[in-house]
Amino acid sequence: MTPGDLMPQLLVDDLADVRAGDKGDTLILAVLPRVAADYPVLERALTAAAVGRHFGGADDVTRTALPHLPALVFRLPTLLRGGVTGYLGLDGHGKTLGYHLLMLPIAT
């Protein structure tokens, strides 16, 4: 074991806040760094593919980078399976799913 093995894993939650919303059965998540200097780290780590894998292999995830805000916005179509009123999961509005994204490990 090396000293690097003992380093705690950096999470999205260590650098950013997430706001969640929905449009029908589509989940929309905005990742907003608390410090603008952390935006490049988040931009590198939070690809559409990485977010899709974190959400169990979600297909067709799109990412919109907004460096002047700074923010990253992810669109996950059909993830809410029926929308706010039709989804039988814990949180049809996506708030809990926003917290799930905060737990995604990232490398610096």
N, C-alpha and C. Protein backbone atom coordinates (compact mmCIF):
# COMPACT_ATOMS: atom_id res chain seq x y z
N MET A 1 0.85 -1.18 0.00
CA MET A 1 0.00 0.00 0.00
C MET A 1 0.90 1.24 0.00
N THR A 2 0.56 2.19 -0.83
CA THR A 2 1.32 3.43 -0.90
C THR A 2 0.53 4.54 -0.21
N PRO A 3 1.20 5.65 0.15
CA PRO A 3 0.46 6.76 0.77
C PRO A 3 -0.69 7.26 -0.09
N GLY A 4 -0.54 7.19 -1.41
CA GLY A 4 -1.62 7.63 -2.30
C GLY A 4 -2.88 6.80 -2.18
N ASP A 5 -2.71 5.52 -1.76
CA ASP A 5 -3.88 4.65 -1.57
C ASP A 5 -4.75 5.10 -0.41
N LEU A 6 -4.17 5.88 0.51
CA LEU A 6 -4.90 6.33 1.68
C LEU A 6 -5.60 7.67 1.46
N MET A 7 -5.37 8.28 0.30
CA MET A 7 -5.98 9.57 0.01
C MET A 7 -7.49 9.40 -0.17
N PRO A 8 -8.27 10.25 0.45
CA PRO A 8 -9.72 10.15 0.26
C PRO A 8 -10.10 10.47 -1.19
N GLN A 9 -11.15 9.83 -1.65
CA GLN A 9 -11.64 10.05 -3.01
C GLN A 9 -12.33 11.41 -3.09
N LEU A 10 -12.01 12.18 -4.10
CA LEU A 10 -12.68 13.46 -4.33
C LEU A 10 -14.01 13.19 -5.01
N LEU A 11 -15.07 13.83 -4.51
CA LEU A 11 -16.41 13.69 -5.07
C LEU A 11 -16.84 15.00 -5.70
N VAL A 12 -17.82 14.93 -6.58
CA VAL A 12 -18.40 16.16 -7.14
C VAL A 12 -18.84 17.08 -6.00
N ASP A 13 -19.38 16.50 -4.95
CA ASP A 13 -19.87 17.27 -3.80
C ASP A 13 -18.78 18.11 -3.13
N ASP A 14 -17.52 17.72 -3.28
CA ASP A 14 -16.42 18.49 -2.70
C ASP A 14 -16.19 19.80 -3.43
N LEU A 15 -16.65 19.90 -4.67
CA LEU A 15 -16.37 21.07 -5.50
C LEU A 15 -17.60 21.84 -5.97
N ALA A 16 -18.77 21.21 -5.94
CA ALA A 16 -19.91 21.82 -6.63
C ALA A 16 -21.23 21.55 -5.92
N ASP A 17 -22.22 22.31 -6.35
CA ASP A 17 -23.62 22.08 -5.99
C ASP A 17 -24.34 21.61 -7.24
N VAL A 18 -25.46 20.93 -7.05
CA VAL A 18 -26.27 20.45 -8.18
C VAL A 18 -27.70 20.92 -7.99
N ARG A 19 -28.27 21.42 -9.06
CA ARG A 19 -29.69 21.77 -9.08
C ARG A 19 -30.36 20.81 -10.04
N ALA A 20 -31.53 20.32 -9.68
CA ALA A 20 -32.23 19.34 -10.50
C ALA A 20 -33.57 19.89 -10.97
N GLY A 21 -33.96 19.43 -12.12
CA GLY A 21 -35.26 19.78 -12.66
C GLY A 21 -35.74 18.67 -13.57
N ASP A 22 -36.93 18.79 -14.07
CA ASP A 22 -37.46 17.76 -14.96
C ASP A 22 -38.36 18.40 -16.00
N LYS A 23 -38.39 17.74 -17.13
CA LYS A 23 -39.31 18.08 -18.22
C LYS A 23 -39.87 16.76 -18.69
N GLY A 24 -41.10 16.45 -18.30
CA GLY A 24 -41.67 15.15 -18.63
C GLY A 24 -40.88 14.05 -17.96
N ASP A 25 -40.39 13.10 -18.75
CA ASP A 25 -39.60 12.02 -18.17
C ASP A 25 -38.09 12.26 -18.27
N THR A 26 -37.71 13.49 -18.58
CA THR A 26 -36.30 13.85 -18.73
C THR A 26 -35.80 14.55 -17.48
N LEU A 27 -34.69 14.06 -16.95
CA LEU A 27 -34.03 14.68 -15.80
C LEU A 27 -33.01 15.68 -16.31
N ILE A 28 -32.99 16.86 -15.72
CA ILE A 28 -32.01 17.89 -16.06
C ILE A 28 -31.25 18.25 -14.79
N LEU A 29 -29.91 18.16 -14.87
CA LEU A 29 -29.06 18.46 -13.72
C LEU A 29 -28.05 19.53 -14.09
N ALA A 30 -27.97 20.57 -13.30
CA ALA A 30 -26.98 21.63 -13.48
C ALA A 30 -25.94 21.50 -12.38
N VAL A 31 -24.68 21.41 -12.76
CA VAL A 31 -23.56 21.33 -11.82
C VAL A 31 -22.90 22.69 -11.79
N LEU A 32 -22.85 23.27 -10.58
CA LEU A 32 -22.33 24.64 -10.40
C LEU A 32 -21.18 24.61 -9.41
N PRO A 33 -19.95 24.84 -9.89
CA PRO A 33 -18.82 24.84 -8.97
C PRO A 33 -18.97 25.96 -7.94
N ARG A 34 -18.56 25.67 -6.71
CA ARG A 34 -18.60 26.70 -5.66
C ARG A 34 -17.53 27.75 -5.87
N VAL A 35 -16.42 27.34 -6.48
CA VAL A 35 -15.31 28.24 -6.80
C VAL A 35 -15.05 28.11 -8.30
N ALA A 36 -15.05 29.21 -9.01
CA ALA A 36 -14.90 29.18 -10.47
C ALA A 36 -13.64 28.45 -10.91
N ALA A 37 -12.59 28.49 -10.11
CA ALA A 37 -11.33 27.83 -10.47
C ALA A 37 -11.46 26.31 -10.54
N ASP A 38 -12.52 25.75 -9.95
CA ASP A 38 -12.73 24.30 -10.00
C ASP A 38 -13.48 23.86 -11.25
N TYR A 39 -13.96 24.79 -12.03
CA TYR A 39 -14.72 24.44 -13.24
C TYR A 39 -13.92 23.53 -14.18
N PRO A 40 -12.64 23.81 -14.47
CA PRO A 40 -11.90 22.92 -15.39
C PRO A 40 -11.81 21.48 -14.89
N VAL A 41 -11.69 21.28 -13.59
CA VAL A 41 -11.65 19.92 -13.03
C VAL A 41 -12.98 19.22 -13.30
N LEU A 42 -14.07 19.90 -13.04
CA LEU A 42 -15.39 19.33 -13.26
C LEU A 42 -15.63 19.09 -14.75
N GLU A 43 -15.21 20.02 -15.57
CA GLU A 43 -15.41 19.88 -17.02
C GLU A 43 -14.68 18.66 -17.56
N ARG A 44 -13.47 18.41 -17.06
CA ARG A 44 -12.71 17.22 -17.49
C ARG A 44 -13.36 15.93 -17.00
N ALA A 45 -13.78 15.91 -15.75
CA ALA A 45 -14.27 14.68 -15.13
C ALA A 45 -15.71 14.34 -15.50
N LEU A 46 -16.54 15.34 -15.64
CA LEU A 46 -17.98 15.10 -15.85
C LEU A 46 -18.33 15.13 -17.33
N THR A 47 -17.97 14.06 -18.00
CA THR A 47 -18.37 13.91 -19.39
C THR A 47 -19.78 13.34 -19.43
N ALA A 48 -20.41 13.42 -20.57
CA ALA A 48 -21.74 12.82 -20.71
C ALA A 48 -21.66 11.32 -20.46
N ALA A 49 -20.60 10.67 -20.93
CA ALA A 49 -20.44 9.22 -20.73
C ALA A 49 -20.27 8.88 -19.25
N ALA A 50 -19.47 9.67 -18.52
CA ALA A 50 -19.25 9.40 -17.10
C ALA A 50 -20.54 9.55 -16.31
N VAL A 51 -21.31 10.57 -16.61
CA VAL A 51 -22.59 10.78 -15.92
C VAL A 51 -23.56 9.66 -16.28
N GLY A 52 -23.60 9.26 -17.54
CA GLY A 52 -24.47 8.16 -17.95
C GLY A 52 -24.13 6.87 -17.22
N ARG A 53 -22.83 6.56 -17.09
CA ARG A 53 -22.43 5.36 -16.35
C ARG A 53 -22.85 5.45 -14.89
N HIS A 54 -22.69 6.65 -14.30
CA HIS A 54 -23.04 6.84 -12.90
C HIS A 54 -24.53 6.62 -12.65
N PHE A 55 -25.33 6.87 -13.67
CA PHE A 55 -26.77 6.67 -13.57
C PHE A 55 -27.18 5.33 -14.18
N GLY A 56 -26.32 4.33 -14.02
CA GLY A 56 -26.66 2.97 -14.41
C GLY A 56 -26.68 2.71 -15.89
N GLY A 57 -25.87 3.43 -16.64
CA GLY A 57 -25.82 3.21 -18.08
C GLY A 57 -26.87 3.97 -18.84
N ALA A 58 -27.29 5.10 -18.31
CA ALA A 58 -28.29 5.93 -19.01
C ALA A 58 -27.81 6.28 -20.41
N ASP A 59 -28.69 6.10 -21.38
CA ASP A 59 -28.36 6.38 -22.78
C ASP A 59 -28.68 7.83 -23.14
N ASP A 60 -28.04 8.30 -24.16
CA ASP A 60 -28.34 9.60 -24.75
C ASP A 60 -28.18 10.77 -23.80
N VAL A 61 -27.26 10.68 -22.85
CA VAL A 61 -26.99 11.81 -21.96
C VAL A 61 -26.29 12.89 -22.78
N THR A 62 -26.76 14.11 -22.64
CA THR A 62 -26.08 15.23 -23.30
C THR A 62 -25.57 16.19 -22.24
N ARG A 63 -24.45 16.85 -22.56
CA ARG A 63 -23.86 17.82 -21.65
C ARG A 63 -23.72 19.13 -22.39
N THR A 64 -24.13 20.20 -21.74
CA THR A 64 -23.92 21.55 -22.26
C THR A 64 -22.98 22.26 -21.31
N ALA A 65 -21.83 22.66 -21.82
CA ALA A 65 -20.85 23.38 -21.01
C ALA A 65 -21.12 24.88 -21.12
N LEU A 66 -21.20 25.53 -19.98
CA LEU A 66 -21.44 26.97 -19.91
C LEU A 66 -20.31 27.60 -19.09
N PRO A 67 -19.12 27.72 -19.68
CA PRO A 67 -17.95 28.17 -18.92
C PRO A 67 -18.04 29.59 -18.39
N HIS A 68 -18.87 30.43 -18.99
CA HIS A 68 -18.96 31.81 -18.52
C HIS A 68 -19.85 31.95 -17.28
N LEU A 69 -20.63 30.91 -16.94
CA LEU A 69 -21.47 31.02 -15.74
C LEU A 69 -20.69 30.79 -14.44
N PRO A 70 -19.90 29.84 -14.20
CA PRO A 70 -19.66 28.58 -14.90
C PRO A 70 -20.64 27.50 -14.46
N ALA A 71 -20.98 26.61 -15.40
CA ALA A 71 -21.90 25.51 -15.09
C ALA A 71 -21.80 24.44 -16.17
N LEU A 72 -22.19 23.24 -15.80
CA LEU A 72 -22.37 22.14 -16.74
C LEU A 72 -23.82 21.67 -16.58
N VAL A 73 -24.52 21.50 -17.68
CA VAL A 73 -25.92 21.08 -17.63
C VAL A 73 -26.04 19.74 -18.35
N PHE A 74 -26.63 18.77 -17.66
CA PHE A 74 -26.81 17.43 -18.20
C PHE A 74 -28.28 17.16 -18.41
N ARG A 75 -28.58 16.55 -19.54
CA ARG A 75 -29.95 16.16 -19.89
C ARG A 75 -29.96 14.64 -20.01
N LEU A 76 -30.79 13.99 -19.19
CA LEU A 76 -30.89 12.53 -19.18
C LEU A 76 -32.30 12.13 -19.57
N PRO A 77 -32.54 11.93 -20.87
CA PRO A 77 -33.89 11.62 -21.33
C PRO A 77 -34.36 10.25 -20.85
N THR A 78 -35.63 10.14 -20.62
CA THR A 78 -36.36 8.93 -20.21
C THR A 78 -35.94 8.38 -18.84
N LEU A 79 -35.05 9.03 -18.13
CA LEU A 79 -34.59 8.51 -16.84
C LEU A 79 -35.71 8.48 -15.81
N LEU A 80 -36.66 9.40 -15.89
CA LEU A 80 -37.74 9.47 -14.90
C LEU A 80 -38.91 8.55 -15.24
N ARG A 81 -38.79 7.79 -16.31
CA ARG A 81 -39.75 6.73 -16.66
C ARG A 81 -41.21 7.09 -16.41
N GLY A 82 -41.72 8.02 -17.18
CA GLY A 82 -43.12 8.38 -17.05
C GLY A 82 -43.33 9.77 -16.52
N GLY A 83 -42.27 10.43 -16.11
CA GLY A 83 -42.38 11.80 -15.64
C GLY A 83 -42.74 11.89 -14.17
N VAL A 84 -42.94 13.10 -13.71
CA VAL A 84 -43.16 13.38 -12.29
C VAL A 84 -44.33 12.60 -11.74
N THR A 85 -45.43 12.56 -12.45
CA THR A 85 -46.62 11.90 -11.90
C THR A 85 -46.66 10.41 -12.19
N GLY A 86 -45.85 9.93 -13.14
CA GLY A 86 -45.89 8.53 -13.50
C GLY A 86 -44.77 7.68 -12.97
N TYR A 87 -43.72 8.29 -12.45
CA TYR A 87 -42.55 7.54 -11.99
C TYR A 87 -42.80 6.98 -10.59
N LEU A 88 -42.57 5.69 -10.40
CA LEU A 88 -42.82 5.05 -9.12
C LEU A 88 -41.60 5.03 -8.22
N GLY A 89 -40.50 5.62 -8.68
CA GLY A 89 -39.28 5.66 -7.89
C GLY A 89 -39.39 6.64 -6.74
N LEU A 90 -38.31 6.77 -6.00
CA LEU A 90 -38.28 7.59 -4.79
C LEU A 90 -38.63 9.05 -5.06
N ASP A 91 -38.12 9.61 -6.15
CA ASP A 91 -38.24 11.05 -6.33
C ASP A 91 -38.42 11.40 -7.80
N GLY A 92 -39.66 11.50 -8.23
CA GLY A 92 -39.95 11.83 -9.62
C GLY A 92 -39.51 13.21 -10.04
N HIS A 93 -39.27 14.09 -9.09
CA HIS A 93 -38.81 15.42 -9.45
C HIS A 93 -37.30 15.50 -9.65
N GLY A 94 -36.58 14.47 -9.31
CA GLY A 94 -35.15 14.44 -9.57
C GLY A 94 -34.27 15.00 -8.47
N LYS A 95 -34.83 15.50 -7.39
CA LYS A 95 -33.98 16.08 -6.33
C LYS A 95 -33.01 15.06 -5.76
N THR A 96 -33.51 13.87 -5.45
CA THR A 96 -32.64 12.83 -4.93
C THR A 96 -31.60 12.43 -5.96
N LEU A 97 -31.96 12.43 -7.23
CA LEU A 97 -31.02 12.07 -8.28
C LEU A 97 -29.92 13.12 -8.41
N GLY A 98 -30.22 14.37 -8.05
CA GLY A 98 -29.19 15.40 -8.00
C GLY A 98 -28.15 15.07 -6.94
N TYR A 99 -28.61 14.60 -5.79
CA TYR A 99 -27.68 14.19 -4.73
C TYR A 99 -26.85 12.99 -5.17
N HIS A 100 -27.45 12.12 -5.96
CA HIS A 100 -26.72 10.96 -6.48
C HIS A 100 -25.53 11.42 -7.32
N LEU A 101 -25.73 12.44 -8.15
CA LEU A 101 -24.63 12.95 -8.97
C LEU A 101 -23.52 13.54 -8.09
N LEU A 102 -23.89 14.15 -6.97
CA LEU A 102 -22.87 14.71 -6.06
C LEU A 102 -21.93 13.64 -5.51
N MET A 103 -22.36 12.40 -5.50
CA MET A 103 -21.55 11.30 -4.97
C MET A 103 -20.63 10.68 -6.01
N LEU A 104 -20.63 11.20 -7.24
CA LEU A 104 -19.77 10.65 -8.28
C LEU A 104 -18.30 10.98 -7.97
N PRO A 105 -17.44 9.95 -7.87
CA PRO A 105 -16.01 10.21 -7.63
C PRO A 105 -15.38 10.84 -8.87
N ILE A 106 -14.47 11.77 -8.64
CA ILE A 106 -13.76 12.40 -9.75
C ILE A 106 -12.26 12.39 -9.46
N ALA A 107 -11.49 12.39 -10.52
CA ALA A 107 -10.03 12.47 -10.39
C ALA A 107 -9.61 13.90 -10.69
N THR A 108 -8.62 14.37 -9.99
CA THR A 108 -8.12 15.74 -10.23
C THR A 108 -6.91 15.71 -11.12
